[in-house]
Amino acid sequence: MKIAFFDTKPYDRPAFEKYGKENGLDIRFFETRLTEETAALAEGCEVVCVFVNDTVNAAVIDRLYAAGVKLIALRSAGYNNVDVRHAFGKIHVVHVPAYSPYSVAEHAMALLLTSVRRIHKAYNRTREFNFSLNGLTGFDLHGKTVGVIGTGKIGMIFADICRGFGMRVLAYDRFPKPDSGIEYAELDEVLKESDIISLHCPLTEETRHMIDDRAIGLMKKGVVLINTSRGALVDAEALLNGIKERKIGAACLDVYEEEADIFFNDLSGHIMSDDVLARLISMPNVIVTSHQAFLTEEALNNIAETTVNNILSYFRSDGICDNELCYRCGHIEECRRERRQRCF
């Protein structure tokens, strides 16, 4: 079985090489991202393996389908970069719904603590033997209200971490979890009451730019915004304006809406062409990490193991994979998987 593995990074290979070898898979690693121009590299492969910044739109799907590709295996939970509706009837799509929710939730808390206790500034100072404490005053997390938007696995773990710090958790989710012990409220109420807001929801047409000028206008002055989910949940221009107007006290970003050609690359010798990102990074109260919240040894191992198992499940006799994505899922009367059949 041949697999075209796109957007390969050095940290991807060890775990995938291990599980690939154990299961007799021929994985062909490509450093380039999957686009309409690079889709030809998948010629002769039954599977393509993609990540969050690969482009899997209708044109790419058509090219892969014509090349004989049967399965698109996402090595991520999010799939907003895949036109699942267009893939239906042509190529099956699988993902990794939970690789290590702890890694992302813990990174969100690490960003928050770094920001509010000015650890990044102190680190830079002491390396220059500057031991002054001026300008490093932070605030206690204990007793503060944190708004958790999205209470899936990552959001719930982040909420538990925050409760361990003695914080009040106020959450919003379209589908609240009963008996979770979480205090839920409408989105506007969460925005108004929270000292800290952390985003843990998927990117959909409904959630795109959910943090915009209107949402920021509802927030407390000095609020801390954390986004470790998807960049386009936040209108970057609106965020920049909110910081300049002193409404946003701090922003902790592991994702950015225009990150595709920027994150995961070393651009230290280049001029940053994205003016909004350059201005955000230049702000003293903004911390940006380059989509690294998932990057732990445990997560990388789980991603590789689950992805390989997804591929093997598809090519078994019944072809049923519990992690298959289908735009019709949720409509039980139409769902063939409920009858233990392939989606199409």
C-alpha atoms as a PDB file:
ATOM      1  CA  MET A   1       0.000   0.000   0.000  1.00  0.00           C
ATOM      2  CA  LYS A   2       1.492   3.329  -1.102  1.00  0.00           C
ATOM      3  CA  ILE A   3       0.901   6.536   0.843  1.00  0.00           C
ATOM      4  CA  ALA A   4       1.805  10.062  -0.306  1.00  0.00           C
ATOM      5  CA  PHE A   5       2.649  11.985   2.865  1.00  0.00           C
ATOM      6  CA  PHE A   6       2.520  15.763   2.306  1.00  0.00           C
ATOM      7  CA  ASP A   7       3.923  18.695   4.323  1.00  0.00           C
ATOM      8  CA  THR A   8       6.472  16.468   6.050  1.00  0.00           C
ATOM      9  CA  LYS A   9       8.468  17.881   8.958  1.00  0.00           C
ATOM     10  CA  PRO A  10      11.410  16.181  10.708  1.00  0.00           C
ATOM     11  CA  TYR A  11       9.300  15.517  13.807  1.00  0.00           C
ATOM     12  CA  ASP A  12       6.672  13.658  11.722  1.00  0.00           C
ATOM     13  CA  ARG A  13       8.892  10.922  10.381  1.00  0.00           C
ATOM     14  CA  PRO A  14      10.043   8.803  13.374  1.00  0.00           C
ATOM     15  CA  ALA A  15       6.599   7.727  14.575  1.00  0.00           C
ATOM     16  CA  PHE A  16       5.152   7.287  11.063  1.00  0.00           C
ATOM     17  CA  GLU A  17       8.202   5.331   9.919  1.00  0.00           C
ATOM     18  CA  LYS A  18       7.829   3.073  12.957  1.00  0.00           C
ATOM     19  CA  TYR A  19       4.119   2.309  12.492  1.00  0.00           C
ATOM     20  CA  GLY A  20       4.433   2.224   8.712  1.00  0.00           C
ATOM     21  CA  LYS A  21       7.196  -0.374   8.839  1.00  0.00           C
ATOM     22  CA  GLU A  22       5.332  -2.481  11.402  1.00  0.00           C
ATOM     23  CA  ASN A  23       2.296  -2.627   9.105  1.00  0.00           C
ATOM     24  CA  GLY A  24       4.006  -2.965   5.732  1.00  0.00           C
ATOM     25  CA  LEU A  25       3.096   0.505   4.436  1.00  0.00           C
ATOM     26  CA  ASP A  26       5.124   2.280   1.750  1.00  0.00           C
ATOM     27  CA  ILE A  27       5.081   5.895   2.934  1.00  0.00           C
ATOM     28  CA  ARG A  28       6.517   8.441   0.508  1.00  0.00           C
ATOM     29  CA  PHE A  29       7.388  11.610   2.394  1.00  0.00           C
ATOM     30  CA  PHE A  30       7.112  14.956   0.582  1.00  0.00           C
ATOM     31  CA  GLU A  31       8.147  18.245   2.175  1.00  0.00           C
ATOM     32  CA  THR A  32       5.849  20.242  -0.097  1.00  0.00           C
ATOM     33  CA  ARG A  33       2.270  21.001   0.893  1.00  0.00           C
ATOM     34  CA  LEU A  34      -0.582  19.430  -1.031  1.00  0.00           C
ATOM     35  CA  THR A  35      -1.984  21.876  -3.575  1.00  0.00           C
ATOM     36  CA  GLU A  36      -3.528  21.598  -7.016  1.00  0.00           C
ATOM     37  CA  GLU A  37       0.001  21.876  -8.477  1.00  0.00           C
ATOM     38  CA  THR A  38       1.549  19.187  -6.243  1.00  0.00           C
ATOM     39  CA  ALA A  39      -1.335  16.696  -6.328  1.00  0.00           C
ATOM     40  CA  ALA A  40       0.424  14.846  -9.177  1.00  0.00           C
ATOM     41  CA  LEU A  41       2.952  13.564  -6.625  1.00  0.00           C
ATOM     42  CA  ALA A  42       0.227  11.219  -5.375  1.00  0.00           C
ATOM     43  CA  GLU A  43       0.125   9.374  -8.707  1.00  0.00           C
ATOM     44  CA  GLY A  44       0.221   5.641  -8.037  1.00  0.00           C
ATOM     45  CA  CYS A  45      -0.703   5.993  -4.363  1.00  0.00           C
ATOM     46  CA  GLU A  46      -3.886   4.689  -2.773  1.00  0.00           C
ATOM     47  CA  VAL A  47      -3.732   7.140   0.146  1.00  0.00           C
ATOM     48  CA  VAL A  48      -2.685  10.727   0.746  1.00  0.00           C
ATOM     49  CA  CYS A  49      -1.834  11.866   4.275  1.00  0.00           C
ATOM     50  CA  VAL A  50      -2.305  15.585   4.944  1.00  0.00           C
ATOM     51  CA  PHE A  51      -2.052  18.164   7.719  1.00  0.00           C
ATOM     52  CA  VAL A  52      -3.827  21.413   8.605  1.00  0.00           C
ATOM     53  CA  ASN A  53      -2.212  23.676   5.998  1.00  0.00           C
ATOM     54  CA  ASP A  54      -2.562  21.335   3.039  1.00  0.00           C
ATOM     55  CA  THR A  55      -5.172  22.417   0.491  1.00  0.00           C
ATOM     56  CA  VAL A  56      -7.797  19.766  -0.137  1.00  0.00           C
ATOM     57  CA  ASN A  57     -10.386  21.717  -2.091  1.00  0.00           C
ATOM     58  CA  ALA A  58     -12.641  20.500  -4.914  1.00  0.00           C
ATOM     59  CA  ALA A  59      -9.956  20.895  -7.588  1.00  0.00           C
ATOM     60  CA  VAL A  60      -7.398  18.925  -5.549  1.00  0.00           C
ATOM     61  CA  ILE A  61      -9.931  16.201  -4.745  1.00  0.00           C
ATOM     62  CA  ASP A  62     -10.760  15.830  -8.439  1.00  0.00           C
ATOM     63  CA  ARG A  63      -7.067  15.461  -9.292  1.00  0.00           C
ATOM     64  CA  LEU A  64      -6.532  12.889  -6.558  1.00  0.00           C
ATOM     65  CA  TYR A  65      -9.632  10.967  -7.622  1.00  0.00           C
ATOM     66  CA  ALA A  66      -8.446  10.903 -11.225  1.00  0.00           C
ATOM     67  CA  ALA A  67      -5.066   9.607 -10.007  1.00  0.00           C
ATOM     68  CA  GLY A  68      -6.745   6.676  -8.268  1.00  0.00           C
ATOM     69  CA  VAL A  69      -6.476   7.882  -4.666  1.00  0.00           C
ATOM     70  CA  LYS A  70      -9.055   6.123  -2.509  1.00  0.00           C
ATOM     71  CA  LEU A  71      -8.474   7.676   0.918  1.00  0.00           C
ATOM     72  CA  ILE A  72      -7.488  11.057   2.376  1.00  0.00           C
ATOM     73  CA  ALA A  73      -6.021  10.524   5.854  1.00  0.00           C
ATOM     74  CA  LEU A  74      -5.840  13.677   7.948  1.00  0.00           C
ATOM     75  CA  ARG A  75      -3.275  13.560  10.721  1.00  0.00           C
ATOM     76  CA  SER A  76      -5.217  16.221  12.628  1.00  0.00           C
ATOM     77  CA  ALA A  77      -8.581  16.626  14.319  1.00  0.00           C
ATOM     78  CA  GLY A  78      -9.672  19.695  12.374  1.00  0.00           C
ATOM     79  CA  TYR A  79     -10.743  19.296   8.756  1.00  0.00           C
ATOM     80  CA  ASN A  80     -11.797  22.789   7.681  1.00  0.00           C
ATOM     81  CA  ASN A  81      -9.184  22.597   4.892  1.00  0.00           C
ATOM     82  CA  VAL A  82     -10.986  19.637   3.277  1.00  0.00           C
ATOM     83  CA  ASP A  83     -14.056  19.972   1.079  1.00  0.00           C
ATOM     84  CA  VAL A  84     -15.756  16.964   2.649  1.00  0.00           C
ATOM     85  CA  ARG A  85     -18.966  17.541   0.695  1.00  0.00           C
ATOM     86  CA  HIS A  86     -17.126  17.428  -2.637  1.00  0.00           C
ATOM     87  CA  ALA A  87     -15.184  14.334  -1.554  1.00  0.00           C
ATOM     88  CA  PHE A  88     -18.397  12.414  -0.883  1.00  0.00           C
ATOM     89  CA  GLY A  89     -18.890   9.715  -3.489  1.00  0.00           C
ATOM     90  CA  LYS A  90     -15.284  10.009  -4.680  1.00  0.00           C
ATOM     91  CA  ILE A  91     -12.703   9.704  -1.903  1.00  0.00           C
ATOM     92  CA  HIS A  92     -13.207   8.679   1.708  1.00  0.00           C
ATOM     93  CA  VAL A  93     -11.815  11.027   4.386  1.00  0.00           C
ATOM     94  CA  VAL A  94     -10.609  10.046   7.869  1.00  0.00           C
ATOM     95  CA  HIS A  95      -9.144  12.128  10.696  1.00  0.00           C
ATOM     96  CA  VAL A  96      -7.611  11.853  14.180  1.00  0.00           C
ATOM     97  CA  PRO A  97     -10.320  13.143  16.525  1.00  0.00           C
ATOM     98  CA  ALA A  98      -8.284  12.927  19.725  1.00  0.00           C
ATOM     99  CA  TYR A  99      -4.510  12.534  19.729  1.00  0.00           C
ATOM    100  CA  SER A 100      -3.652  14.286  22.977  1.00  0.00           C
ATOM    101  CA  PRO A 101      -6.118  16.875  24.186  1.00  0.00           C
ATOM    102  CA  TYR A 102      -3.812  17.420  27.145  1.00  0.00           C
ATOM    103  CA  SER A 103      -1.058  18.776  24.898  1.00  0.00           C
ATOM    104  CA  VAL A 104      -3.245  21.576  23.520  1.00  0.00           C
ATOM    105  CA  ALA A 105      -4.939  22.403  26.816  1.00  0.00           C
ATOM    106  CA  GLU A 106      -1.598  22.514  28.649  1.00  0.00           C
ATOM    107  CA  HIS A 107      -0.103  24.733  25.941  1.00  0.00           C
ATOM    108  CA  ALA A 108      -3.028  27.144  26.328  1.00  0.00           C
ATOM    109  CA  MET A 109      -2.322  27.373  30.046  1.00  0.00           C
ATOM    110  CA  ALA A 110       1.413  27.750  29.391  1.00  0.00           C
ATOM    111  CA  LEU A 111       0.695  30.711  27.107  1.00  0.00           C
ATOM    112  CA  LEU A 112      -1.615  32.243  29.709  1.00  0.00           C
ATOM    113  CA  LEU A 113       0.899  31.921  32.554  1.00  0.00           C
ATOM    114  CA  THR A 114       3.741  33.190  30.371  1.00  0.00           C
ATOM    115  CA  SER A 115       1.697  36.225  29.428  1.00  0.00           C
ATOM    116  CA  VAL A 116       0.207  37.251  32.772  1.00  0.00           C
ATOM    117  CA  ARG A 117       3.442  36.653  34.726  1.00  0.00           C
ATOM    118  CA  ARG A 118       5.647  38.233  32.017  1.00  0.00           C
ATOM    119  CA  ILE A 119       7.914  35.185  31.963  1.00  0.00           C
ATOM    120  CA  HIS A 120       9.015  35.802  28.365  1.00  0.00           C
ATOM    121  CA  LYS A 121      10.114  39.331  29.261  1.00  0.00           C
ATOM    122  CA  ALA A 122      11.931  38.169  32.401  1.00  0.00           C
ATOM    123  CA  TYR A 123      13.740  35.472  30.409  1.00  0.00           C
ATOM    124  CA  ASN A 124      15.027  37.988  27.888  1.00  0.00           C
ATOM    125  CA  ARG A 125      16.091  40.417  30.638  1.00  0.00           C
ATOM    126  CA  THR A 126      18.049  37.968  32.748  1.00  0.00           C
ATOM    127  CA  ARG A 127      19.969  36.714  29.715  1.00  0.00           C
ATOM    128  CA  GLU A 128      21.352  40.261  29.557  1.00  0.00           C
ATOM    129  CA  PHE A 129      21.940  40.271  33.334  1.00  0.00           C
ATOM    130  CA  ASN A 130      19.110  42.727  33.852  1.00  0.00           C
ATOM    131  CA  PHE A 131      17.450  41.666  37.105  1.00  0.00           C
ATOM    132  CA  SER A 132      15.068  44.586  37.474  1.00  0.00           C
ATOM    133  CA  LEU A 133      11.441  43.760  38.228  1.00  0.00           C
ATOM    134  CA  ASN A 134      10.064  46.988  36.817  1.00  0.00           C
ATOM    135  CA  GLY A 135       7.236  46.348  34.360  1.00  0.00           C
ATOM    136  CA  LEU A 136       6.887  42.669  35.243  1.00  0.00           C
ATOM    137  CA  THR A 137       3.865  42.915  37.544  1.00  0.00           C
ATOM    138  CA  GLY A 138       1.244  40.302  36.697  1.00  0.00           C
ATOM    139  CA  PHE A 139      -2.001  39.220  38.332  1.00  0.00           C
ATOM    140  CA  ASP A 140      -3.348  36.164  40.163  1.00  0.00           C
ATOM    141  CA  LEU A 141      -5.390  33.683  38.209  1.00  0.00           C
ATOM    142  CA  HIS A 142      -7.121  32.592  41.408  1.00  0.00           C
ATOM    143  CA  GLY A 143     -10.581  34.102  41.615  1.00  0.00           C
ATOM    144  CA  LYS A 144     -10.681  35.226  37.983  1.00  0.00           C
ATOM    145  CA  THR A 145     -13.401  34.197  35.527  1.00  0.00           C
ATOM    146  CA  VAL A 146     -12.261  32.273  32.481  1.00  0.00           C
ATOM    147  CA  GLY A 147     -14.577  31.941  29.505  1.00  0.00           C
ATOM    148  CA  VAL A 148     -14.129  28.606  27.720  1.00  0.00           C
ATOM    149  CA  ILE A 149     -15.690  28.668  24.264  1.00  0.00           C
ATOM    150  CA  GLY A 150     -16.109  25.084  23.147  1.00  0.00           C
ATOM    151  CA  THR A 151     -16.258  22.232  25.646  1.00  0.00           C
ATOM    152  CA  GLY A 152     -15.047  19.279  23.656  1.00  0.00           C
ATOM    153  CA  LYS A 153     -12.211  17.172  25.029  1.00  0.00           C
ATOM    154  CA  ILE A 154      -9.631  19.979  24.878  1.00  0.00           C
ATOM    155  CA  GLY A 155     -11.991  22.597  26.271  1.00  0.00           C
ATOM    156  CA  MET A 156     -13.019  20.340  29.167  1.00  0.00           C
ATOM    157  CA  ILE A 157      -9.400  19.588  30.083  1.00  0.00           C
ATOM    158  CA  PHE A 158      -8.523  23.283  29.926  1.00  0.00           C
ATOM    159  CA  ALA A 159     -11.526  24.026  32.159  1.00  0.00           C
ATOM    160  CA  ASP A 160     -10.316  21.427  34.683  1.00  0.00           C
ATOM    161  CA  ILE A 161      -6.839  22.989  34.699  1.00  0.00           C
ATOM    162  CA  CYS A 162      -8.352  26.417  35.310  1.00  0.00           C
ATOM    163  CA  ARG A 163     -10.475  25.100  38.178  1.00  0.00           C
ATOM    164  CA  GLY A 164      -7.279  23.724  39.680  1.00  0.00           C
ATOM    165  CA  PHE A 165      -6.009  27.304  39.795  1.00  0.00           C
ATOM    166  CA  GLY A 166      -9.133  28.384  41.669  1.00  0.00           C
ATOM    167  CA  MET A 167     -10.736  30.113  38.716  1.00  0.00           C
ATOM    168  CA  ARG A 168     -14.441  30.367  37.942  1.00  0.00           C
ATOM    169  CA  VAL A 169     -15.175  28.631  34.630  1.00  0.00           C
ATOM    170  CA  LEU A 170     -17.966  30.041  32.480  1.00  0.00           C
ATOM    171  CA  ALA A 171     -18.499  28.147  29.231  1.00  0.00           C
ATOM    172  CA  TYR A 172     -20.317  28.414  25.942  1.00  0.00           C
ATOM    173  CA  ASP A 173     -21.067  25.516  23.627  1.00  0.00           C
ATOM    174  CA  ARG A 174     -23.896  24.932  21.176  1.00  0.00           C
ATOM    175  CA  PHE A 175     -24.241  21.505  22.730  1.00  0.00           C
ATOM    176  CA  PRO A 176     -23.663  21.820  26.500  1.00  0.00           C
ATOM    177  CA  LYS A 177     -22.528  18.710  28.318  1.00  0.00           C
ATOM    178  CA  PRO A 178     -25.104  17.693  30.923  1.00  0.00           C
ATOM    179  CA  ASP A 179     -23.846  16.719  34.376  1.00  0.00           C
ATOM    180  CA  SER A 180     -20.365  18.055  33.580  1.00  0.00           C
ATOM    181  CA  GLY A 181     -20.300  20.477  36.490  1.00  0.00           C
ATOM    182  CA  ILE A 182     -19.581  23.286  34.025  1.00  0.00           C
ATOM    183  CA  GLU A 183     -21.486  26.561  34.299  1.00  0.00           C
ATOM    184  CA  TYR A 184     -22.823  27.387  30.836  1.00  0.00           C
ATOM    185  CA  ALA A 185     -24.038  30.736  29.533  1.00  0.00           C
ATOM    186  CA  GLU A 186     -24.868  32.399  26.221  1.00  0.00           C
ATOM    187  CA  LEU A 187     -21.874  33.548  24.190  1.00  0.00           C
ATOM    188  CA  ASP A 188     -22.453  37.264  24.778  1.00  0.00           C
ATOM    189  CA  GLU A 189     -22.603  36.707  28.538  1.00  0.00           C
ATOM    190  CA  VAL A 190     -19.347  34.750  28.449  1.00  0.00           C
ATOM    191  CA  LEU A 191     -17.688  37.563  26.489  1.00  0.00           C
ATOM    192  CA  LYS A 192     -18.951  40.210  28.941  1.00  0.00           C
ATOM    193  CA  GLU A 193     -18.089  38.463  32.200  1.00  0.00           C
ATOM    194  CA  SER A 194     -14.742  36.806  31.491  1.00  0.00           C
ATOM    195  CA  ASP A 195     -11.340  38.120  32.519  1.00  0.00           C
ATOM    196  CA  ILE A 196      -9.755  35.508  30.252  1.00  0.00           C
ATOM    197  CA  ILE A 197     -11.282  33.936  27.128  1.00  0.00           C
ATOM    198  CA  SER A 198      -9.942  30.731  25.569  1.00  0.00           C
ATOM    199  CA  LEU A 199     -11.161  29.332  22.246  1.00  0.00           C
ATOM    200  CA  HIS A 200     -11.547  25.568  21.844  1.00  0.00           C
ATOM    201  CA  CYS A 201     -14.079  25.154  19.041  1.00  0.00           C
ATOM    202  CA  PRO A 202     -13.829  23.976  15.425  1.00  0.00           C
ATOM    203  CA  LEU A 203     -13.756  26.345  12.470  1.00  0.00           C
ATOM    204  CA  THR A 204     -17.039  26.356  10.574  1.00  0.00           C
ATOM    205  CA  GLU A 205     -18.944  28.954   8.601  1.00  0.00           C
ATOM    206  CA  GLU A 206     -20.785  29.801  11.825  1.00  0.00           C
ATOM    207  CA  THR A 207     -17.646  30.225  13.933  1.00  0.00           C
ATOM    208  CA  ARG A 208     -15.469  32.025  11.373  1.00  0.00           C
ATOM    209  CA  HIS A 209     -14.520  35.443  12.855  1.00  0.00           C
ATOM    210  CA  MET A 210     -16.661  34.800  15.918  1.00  0.00           C
ATOM    211  CA  ILE A 211     -14.211  37.128  17.658  1.00  0.00           C
ATOM    212  CA  ASP A 212     -14.787  40.312  15.655  1.00  0.00           C
ATOM    213  CA  ASP A 213     -15.264  44.008  16.426  1.00  0.00           C
ATOM    214  CA  ARG A 214     -18.686  43.388  17.963  1.00  0.00           C
ATOM    215  CA  ALA A 215     -17.463  40.537  20.167  1.00  0.00           C
ATOM    216  CA  ILE A 216     -14.426  42.511  21.329  1.00  0.00           C
ATOM    217  CA  GLY A 217     -16.689  45.452  22.114  1.00  0.00           C
ATOM    218  CA  LEU A 218     -18.577  43.259  24.609  1.00  0.00           C
ATOM    219  CA  MET A 219     -15.431  42.161  26.447  1.00  0.00           C
ATOM    220  CA  LYS A 220     -14.013  43.559  29.657  1.00  0.00           C
ATOM    221  CA  LYS A 221     -11.261  46.122  29.346  1.00  0.00           C
ATOM    222  CA  GLY A 222      -7.943  44.305  29.740  1.00  0.00           C
ATOM    223  CA  VAL A 223      -9.263  40.845  28.825  1.00  0.00           C
ATOM    224  CA  VAL A 224      -6.748  38.136  27.883  1.00  0.00           C
ATOM    225  CA  LEU A 225      -7.616  36.221  24.690  1.00  0.00           C
ATOM    226  CA  ILE A 226      -6.179  32.754  24.009  1.00  0.00           C
ATOM    227  CA  ASN A 227      -6.549  30.895  20.712  1.00  0.00           C
ATOM    228  CA  THR A 228      -5.079  27.416  20.308  1.00  0.00           C
ATOM    229  CA  SER A 229      -7.843  26.190  18.013  1.00  0.00           C
ATOM    230  CA  ARG A 230      -8.107  27.684  14.494  1.00  0.00           C
ATOM    231  CA  GLY A 231      -6.801  31.062  13.416  1.00  0.00           C
ATOM    232  CA  ALA A 232      -9.878  32.203  11.509  1.00  0.00           C
ATOM    233  CA  LEU A 233     -11.991  32.085  14.670  1.00  0.00           C
ATOM    234  CA  VAL A 234     -10.460  35.505  15.287  1.00  0.00           C
ATOM    235  CA  ASP A 235     -10.660  38.471  12.925  1.00  0.00           C
ATOM    236  CA  ALA A 236      -6.996  39.478  13.070  1.00  0.00           C
ATOM    237  CA  GLU A 237      -7.677  43.083  12.052  1.00  0.00           C
ATOM    238  CA  ALA A 238     -10.304  43.408  14.773  1.00  0.00           C
ATOM    239  CA  LEU A 239      -7.895  41.890  17.305  1.00  0.00           C
ATOM    240  CA  LEU A 240      -5.201  44.352  16.297  1.00  0.00           C
ATOM    241  CA  ASN A 241      -7.616  47.253  16.719  1.00  0.00           C
ATOM    242  CA  GLY A 242      -8.728  45.915  20.092  1.00  0.00           C
ATOM    243  CA  ILE A 243      -5.121  45.828  21.294  1.00  0.00           C
ATOM    244  CA  LYS A 244      -4.383  49.318  20.004  1.00  0.00           C
ATOM    245  CA  GLU A 245      -7.513  50.640  21.724  1.00  0.00           C
ATOM    246  CA  ARG A 246      -6.355  49.021  25.004  1.00  0.00           C
ATOM    247  CA  LYS A 247      -9.503  46.839  25.137  1.00  0.00           C
ATOM    248  CA  ILE A 248      -7.520  43.603  24.748  1.00  0.00           C
ATOM    249  CA  GLY A 249      -5.015  43.398  27.575  1.00  0.00           C
ATOM    250  CA  ALA A 250      -3.086  40.496  26.085  1.00  0.00           C
ATOM    251  CA  ALA A 251      -3.365  37.968  23.269  1.00  0.00           C
ATOM    252  CA  CYS A 252      -1.908  34.453  23.266  1.00  0.00           C
ATOM    253  CA  LEU A 253      -2.035  32.960  19.787  1.00  0.00           C
ATOM    254  CA  ASP A 254      -0.905  29.538  18.629  1.00  0.00           C
ATOM    255  CA  VAL A 255      -2.825  29.900  15.373  1.00  0.00           C
ATOM    256  CA  TYR A 256      -3.371  32.667  12.831  1.00  0.00           C
ATOM    257  CA  GLU A 257      -5.930  32.905  10.047  1.00  0.00           C
ATOM    258  CA  GLU A 258      -3.346  33.429   7.290  1.00  0.00           C
ATOM    259  CA  GLU A 259      -0.756  31.008   8.664  1.00  0.00           C
ATOM    260  CA  ALA A 260      -0.644  28.563   5.746  1.00  0.00           C
ATOM    261  CA  ASP A 261       2.446  30.002   4.025  1.00  0.00           C
ATOM    262  CA  ILE A 262       4.094  31.205   7.244  1.00  0.00           C
ATOM    263  CA  PHE A 263       3.876  28.748  10.119  1.00  0.00           C
ATOM    264  CA  PHE A 264       6.100  25.651  10.164  1.00  0.00           C
ATOM    265  CA  ASN A 265       8.718  27.522   8.084  1.00  0.00           C
ATOM    266  CA  ASP A 266      11.938  29.337   8.989  1.00  0.00           C
ATOM    267  CA  LEU A 267      11.445  32.864   7.663  1.00  0.00           C
ATOM    268  CA  SER A 268      14.072  34.479   9.879  1.00  0.00           C
ATOM    269  CA  GLY A 269      16.067  35.611   6.850  1.00  0.00           C
ATOM    270  CA  HIS A 270      13.066  37.111   5.076  1.00  0.00           C
ATOM    271  CA  ILE A 271      10.962  40.245   5.370  1.00  0.00           C
ATOM    272  CA  MET A 272       7.546  39.429   6.810  1.00  0.00           C
ATOM    273  CA  SER A 273       5.026  40.118   4.055  1.00  0.00           C
ATOM    274  CA  ASP A 274       1.977  39.762   6.315  1.00  0.00           C
ATOM    275  CA  ASP A 275       1.653  43.237   7.841  1.00  0.00           C
ATOM    276  CA  VAL A 276      -1.055  42.242  10.342  1.00  0.00           C
ATOM    277  CA  LEU A 277       0.977  39.361  11.778  1.00  0.00           C
ATOM    278  CA  ALA A 278       4.120  41.499  11.863  1.00  0.00           C
ATOM    279  CA  ARG A 279       2.274  44.170  13.830  1.00  0.00           C
ATOM    280  CA  LEU A 280       0.773  41.635  16.221  1.00  0.00           C
ATOM    281  CA  ILE A 281       4.165  40.079  16.939  1.00  0.00           C
ATOM    282  CA  SER A 282       5.610  43.540  17.561  1.00  0.00           C
ATOM    283  CA  MET A 283       3.070  44.222  20.334  1.00  0.00           C
ATOM    284  CA  PRO A 284       4.529  43.796  23.840  1.00  0.00           C
ATOM    285  CA  ASN A 285       1.362  42.112  25.104  1.00  0.00           C
ATOM    286  CA  VAL A 286       1.091  39.511  22.325  1.00  0.00           C
ATOM    287  CA  ILE A 287       2.636  36.026  22.376  1.00  0.00           C
ATOM    288  CA  VAL A 288       2.631  34.034  19.139  1.00  0.00           C
ATOM    289  CA  THR A 289       3.676  30.400  18.827  1.00  0.00           C
ATOM    290  CA  SER A 290       3.567  28.722  15.431  1.00  0.00           C
ATOM    291  CA  HIS A 291       0.819  26.098  15.792  1.00  0.00           C
ATOM    292  CA  GLN A 292       2.877  24.029  18.213  1.00  0.00           C
ATOM    293  CA  ALA A 293       0.241  23.263  20.846  1.00  0.00           C
ATOM    294  CA  PHE A 294      -0.068  19.682  19.547  1.00  0.00           C
ATOM    295  CA  LEU A 295       3.690  19.105  19.548  1.00  0.00           C
ATOM    296  CA  THR A 296       4.435  16.599  22.287  1.00  0.00           C
ATOM    297  CA  GLU A 297       5.984  13.156  22.003  1.00  0.00           C
ATOM    298  CA  GLU A 298       2.762  11.563  23.204  1.00  0.00           C
ATOM    299  CA  ALA A 299       0.659  13.433  20.653  1.00  0.00           C
ATOM    300  CA  LEU A 300       2.981  12.660  17.738  1.00  0.00           C
ATOM    301  CA  ASN A 301       2.932   8.978  18.618  1.00  0.00           C
ATOM    302  CA  ASN A 302      -0.860   8.920  18.971  1.00  0.00           C
ATOM    303  CA  ILE A 303      -1.318  10.796  15.685  1.00  0.00           C
ATOM    304  CA  ALA A 304       0.833   8.286  13.810  1.00  0.00           C
ATOM    305  CA  GLU A 305      -0.749   5.242  15.441  1.00  0.00           C
ATOM    306  CA  THR A 306      -4.325   6.439  14.865  1.00  0.00           C
ATOM    307  CA  THR A 307      -3.645   7.555  11.292  1.00  0.00           C
ATOM    308  CA  VAL A 308      -2.109   4.215  10.375  1.00  0.00           C
ATOM    309  CA  ASN A 309      -5.000   2.361  12.047  1.00  0.00           C
ATOM    310  CA  ASN A 310      -7.470   4.534  10.111  1.00  0.00           C
ATOM    311  CA  ILE A 311      -5.772   3.548   6.854  1.00  0.00           C
ATOM    312  CA  LEU A 312      -5.686  -0.145   7.735  1.00  0.00           C
ATOM    313  CA  SER A 313      -9.354  -0.056   8.792  1.00  0.00           C
ATOM    314  CA  TYR A 314     -10.385   1.344   5.424  1.00  0.00           C
ATOM    315  CA  PHE A 315      -8.601  -1.392   3.482  1.00  0.00           C
ATOM    316  CA  ARG A 316      -9.934  -4.237   5.617  1.00  0.00           C
ATOM    317  CA  SER A 317     -12.759  -6.395   4.276  1.00  0.00           C
ATOM    318  CA  ASP A 318     -15.640  -4.298   5.647  1.00  0.00           C
ATOM    319  CA  GLY A 319     -13.883  -0.956   5.131  1.00  0.00           C
ATOM    320  CA  ILE A 320     -15.544   0.604   8.179  1.00  0.00           C
ATOM    321  CA  CYS A 321     -13.524   3.262  10.007  1.00  0.00           C
ATOM    322  CA  ASP A 322     -15.013   4.951  13.066  1.00  0.00           C
ATOM    323  CA  ASN A 323     -12.964   8.080  12.318  1.00  0.00           C
ATOM    324  CA  GLU A 324     -14.359   8.612   8.822  1.00  0.00           C
ATOM    325  CA  LEU A 325     -15.700  12.077   8.020  1.00  0.00           C
ATOM    326  CA  CYS A 326     -18.880  12.500   6.017  1.00  0.00           C
ATOM    327  CA  TYR A 327     -20.836  15.684   5.458  1.00  0.00           C
ATOM    328  CA  ARG A 328     -24.039  13.715   6.048  1.00  0.00           C
ATOM    329  CA  CYS A 329     -22.973  12.446   9.478  1.00  0.00           C
ATOM    330  CA  GLY A 330     -25.358  13.505  12.216  1.00  0.00           C
ATOM    331  CA  HIS A 331     -28.330  12.577  10.041  1.00  0.00           C
ATOM    332  CA  ILE A 332     -28.858   9.115  11.449  1.00  0.00           C
ATOM    333  CA  GLU A 333     -31.567   8.221   8.961  1.00  0.00           C
ATOM    334  CA  GLU A 334     -29.003   8.673   6.181  1.00  0.00           C
ATOM    335  CA  CYS A 335     -25.970   7.278   7.969  1.00  0.00           C
ATOM    336  CA  ARG A 336     -24.805   4.021   6.448  1.00  0.00           C
ATOM    337  CA  ARG A 337     -22.171   3.592   9.149  1.00  0.00           C
ATOM    338  CA  GLU A 338     -24.978   3.048  11.658  1.00  0.00           C
ATOM    339  CA  ARG A 339     -25.716  -0.070   9.598  1.00  0.00           C
ATOM    340  CA  ARG A 340     -21.999  -0.942   9.525  1.00  0.00           C
ATOM    341  CA  GLN A 341     -21.556   0.016   5.887  1.00  0.00           C
ATOM    342  CA  ARG A 342     -19.136   2.402   4.230  1.00  0.00           C
ATOM    343  CA  CYS A 343     -20.397   5.958   3.856  1.00  0.00           C
ATOM    344  CA  PHE A 344     -20.654   5.325   0.125  1.00  0.00           C
END
